[in-house]
Protein backbone atom coordinates (compact mmCIF):
# COMPACT_ATOMS: atom_id res chain seq x y z
CA MET A 1 -18.83 -63.28 -67.46
CA ILE A 2 -19.35 -61.32 -64.26
CA LYS A 3 -22.72 -61.45 -62.71
CA ILE A 4 -23.92 -58.19 -61.09
CA ASN A 5 -26.44 -58.53 -58.35
CA SER A 6 -28.94 -55.68 -58.69
CA LYS A 7 -30.97 -56.57 -55.61
CA PRO A 8 -29.98 -54.57 -52.50
CA LYS A 9 -29.27 -56.49 -49.37
CA ILE A 10 -32.00 -56.36 -46.72
CA TYR A 11 -29.99 -54.52 -44.03
CA GLU A 12 -28.74 -51.74 -46.37
CA GLY A 13 -32.17 -50.12 -46.77
CA GLY A 14 -32.23 -48.36 -43.33
CA GLN A 15 -28.55 -47.41 -43.13
CA ALA A 16 -29.07 -43.85 -44.40
CA LEU A 17 -31.96 -43.33 -42.00
CA LEU A 18 -29.88 -44.51 -39.05
CA MET A 19 -27.01 -42.19 -39.99
CA LEU A 20 -29.43 -39.25 -40.28
CA LEU A 21 -30.94 -40.09 -36.90
CA PHE A 22 -27.47 -40.28 -35.33
CA PHE A 23 -26.43 -36.85 -36.65
CA VAL A 24 -29.72 -35.27 -35.57
CA LEU A 25 -29.25 -36.63 -32.03
CA VAL A 26 -25.67 -35.33 -31.90
CA GLY A 27 -26.87 -31.91 -33.10
CA ILE A 28 -29.62 -31.74 -30.50
CA THR A 29 -27.16 -32.72 -27.76
CA VAL A 30 -24.69 -29.99 -28.76
CA ALA A 31 -27.44 -27.36 -28.99
CA THR A 32 -28.79 -28.30 -25.55
CA ALA A 33 -25.33 -28.15 -23.97
CA ALA A 34 -24.71 -24.73 -25.52
CA THR A 35 -28.05 -23.45 -24.20
CA PHE A 36 -27.21 -24.58 -20.66
CA ALA A 37 -23.75 -22.98 -20.87
CA VAL A 38 -25.23 -19.65 -21.99
CA ALA A 39 -27.82 -19.74 -19.20
CA ALA A 40 -25.17 -20.42 -16.54
CA ASN A 41 -22.93 -17.61 -17.81
CA SER A 42 -25.87 -15.21 -17.89
CA GLU A 43 -26.74 -15.96 -14.27
CA ALA A 44 -23.11 -15.50 -13.17
CA ALA A 45 -22.92 -12.15 -14.97
CA THR A 46 -26.11 -10.96 -13.27
CA THR A 47 -24.75 -11.95 -9.87
CA GLN A 48 -21.48 -10.14 -10.49
CA SER A 49 -23.24 -6.99 -11.66
CA GLU A 50 -25.35 -6.88 -8.47
CA GLY A 51 -22.17 -6.93 -6.39
CA ILE A 52 -20.67 -4.14 -8.47
CA ILE A 53 -23.85 -2.08 -8.06
CA ALA A 54 -23.66 -2.53 -4.26
CA LYS A 55 -20.04 -1.28 -4.25
CA GLU A 56 -20.97 1.76 -6.34
CA MET A 57 -23.88 2.49 -4.00
CA ALA A 58 -21.47 2.47 -1.03
CA ASP A 59 -19.10 4.84 -2.85
CA SER A 60 -22.03 7.14 -3.64
CA GLY A 61 -22.91 7.15 0.05
CA ILE A 62 -19.40 8.39 0.84
CA GLU A 63 -19.77 11.21 -1.68
CA VAL A 64 -23.17 12.17 -0.21
CA ALA A 65 -21.57 12.27 3.25
CA MET A 66 -18.78 14.55 2.04
CA LEU A 67 -21.34 16.95 0.59
CA GLY A 68 -23.34 16.73 3.82
CA ILE A 69 -20.28 17.68 5.89
CA LEU A 70 -19.61 20.70 3.68
CA ARG A 71 -23.25 21.86 3.62
CA ASP A 72 -24.06 21.34 7.31
CA ASN A 73 -20.84 22.87 8.65
CA ASP A 74 -19.64 19.86 10.63
CA ASN A 75 -23.11 18.94 12.02
CA TYR A 76 -23.71 16.10 9.56
CA THR A 77 -23.75 12.66 11.23
CA GLY A 78 -25.15 10.48 8.44
CA GLU A 79 -28.34 9.29 6.82
CA THR A 80 -30.07 6.36 5.15
CA ILE A 81 -30.43 6.51 1.38
CA THR A 82 -32.99 4.37 -0.45
CA ASP A 83 -32.09 3.43 -4.03
CA LEU A 84 -34.61 3.24 -6.86
CA ASN A 85 -33.91 -0.50 -7.25
CA GLY A 86 -34.79 -1.22 -3.63
CA GLY A 87 -31.26 -1.14 -2.24
CA THR A 88 -30.30 0.93 0.79
CA THR A 89 -27.16 2.74 1.86
CA VAL A 90 -26.54 3.65 5.51
CA VAL A 91 -23.98 6.42 5.99
CA THR A 92 -22.46 7.34 9.36
CA VAL A 93 -19.94 10.10 10.09
CA THR A 94 -17.89 10.20 13.30
CA GLY A 95 -14.98 12.27 14.57
CA GLY A 96 -13.96 15.91 14.94
CA SER A 97 -11.34 17.41 12.65
CA ILE A 98 -10.43 13.94 11.39
CA LYS A 99 -13.65 12.29 10.27
CA THR A 100 -14.36 8.63 9.60
CA ILE A 101 -17.14 8.04 7.09
CA ASP A 102 -18.67 4.56 6.91
CA SER A 103 -21.05 3.62 4.11
CA ILE A 104 -22.82 0.25 4.12
CA ALA A 105 -24.80 -0.55 0.95
CA THR A 106 -27.22 -3.43 0.53
CA ASN A 107 -28.35 -4.50 -2.94
CA GLY A 108 -30.30 -7.74 -2.93
CA SER A 109 -28.17 -10.28 -1.08
CA PHE A 110 -24.96 -8.25 -1.48
CA VAL A 111 -23.62 -6.02 1.30
CA LYS A 112 -20.61 -3.78 0.68
CA LYS A 113 -18.94 -1.48 3.20
CA VAL A 114 -16.64 1.40 2.34
CA GLU A 115 -14.68 3.41 4.89
CA VAL A 116 -13.07 6.80 4.28
CA ILE A 117 -10.95 9.00 6.50
CA VAL A 118 -10.90 12.70 5.68
CA THR A 119 -9.86 15.92 7.44
CA TYR A 120 -12.22 18.85 7.99
CA SER A 121 -11.27 22.23 9.44
CA ASN A 122 -12.27 25.83 8.81
CA ASN A 123 -15.08 24.72 6.46
CA VAL A 124 -12.55 22.99 4.21
CA LEU A 125 -12.85 19.27 3.51
CA GLY A 126 -9.42 17.77 2.84
CA ILE A 127 -8.46 15.11 0.35
CA PRO A 128 -9.36 11.64 1.66
CA THR A 129 -6.32 9.96 3.21
CA TYR A 130 -7.96 6.53 3.33
CA TRP A 131 -10.64 5.03 1.05
CA LYS A 132 -11.12 1.29 1.30
CA GLU A 133 -13.74 -1.40 0.86
CA ILE A 134 -14.12 -3.37 4.09
CA ASN A 135 -15.28 -6.99 3.72
């Protein structure tokens, strides 16, 4: 006859609890790592968007300068534009019939400069021959 021992061994009683504790700790570790990864990506995206905004502000400054040249009949030399978000754009226009327009935009810690060369004669502003971001 085979004798079956119905008493559990002493060390088997806490095995399920230890396994549960192990899986809970692994789950918490994975969740914490995912939270840190999301936070880092969010900060990088914010930083990148501020740089893009600065570039767009500089381009807008160029467009304002082109309108200023057309409206002021060649007397426009530039201006400083203050953005609603606290950024500034400084626009300068130099030259005679061939004009160089410089636009320097500052948004937070980002500074972007755009330079455009355009012709102007007989109250007609030509198509820009040069439009480039200067770093």
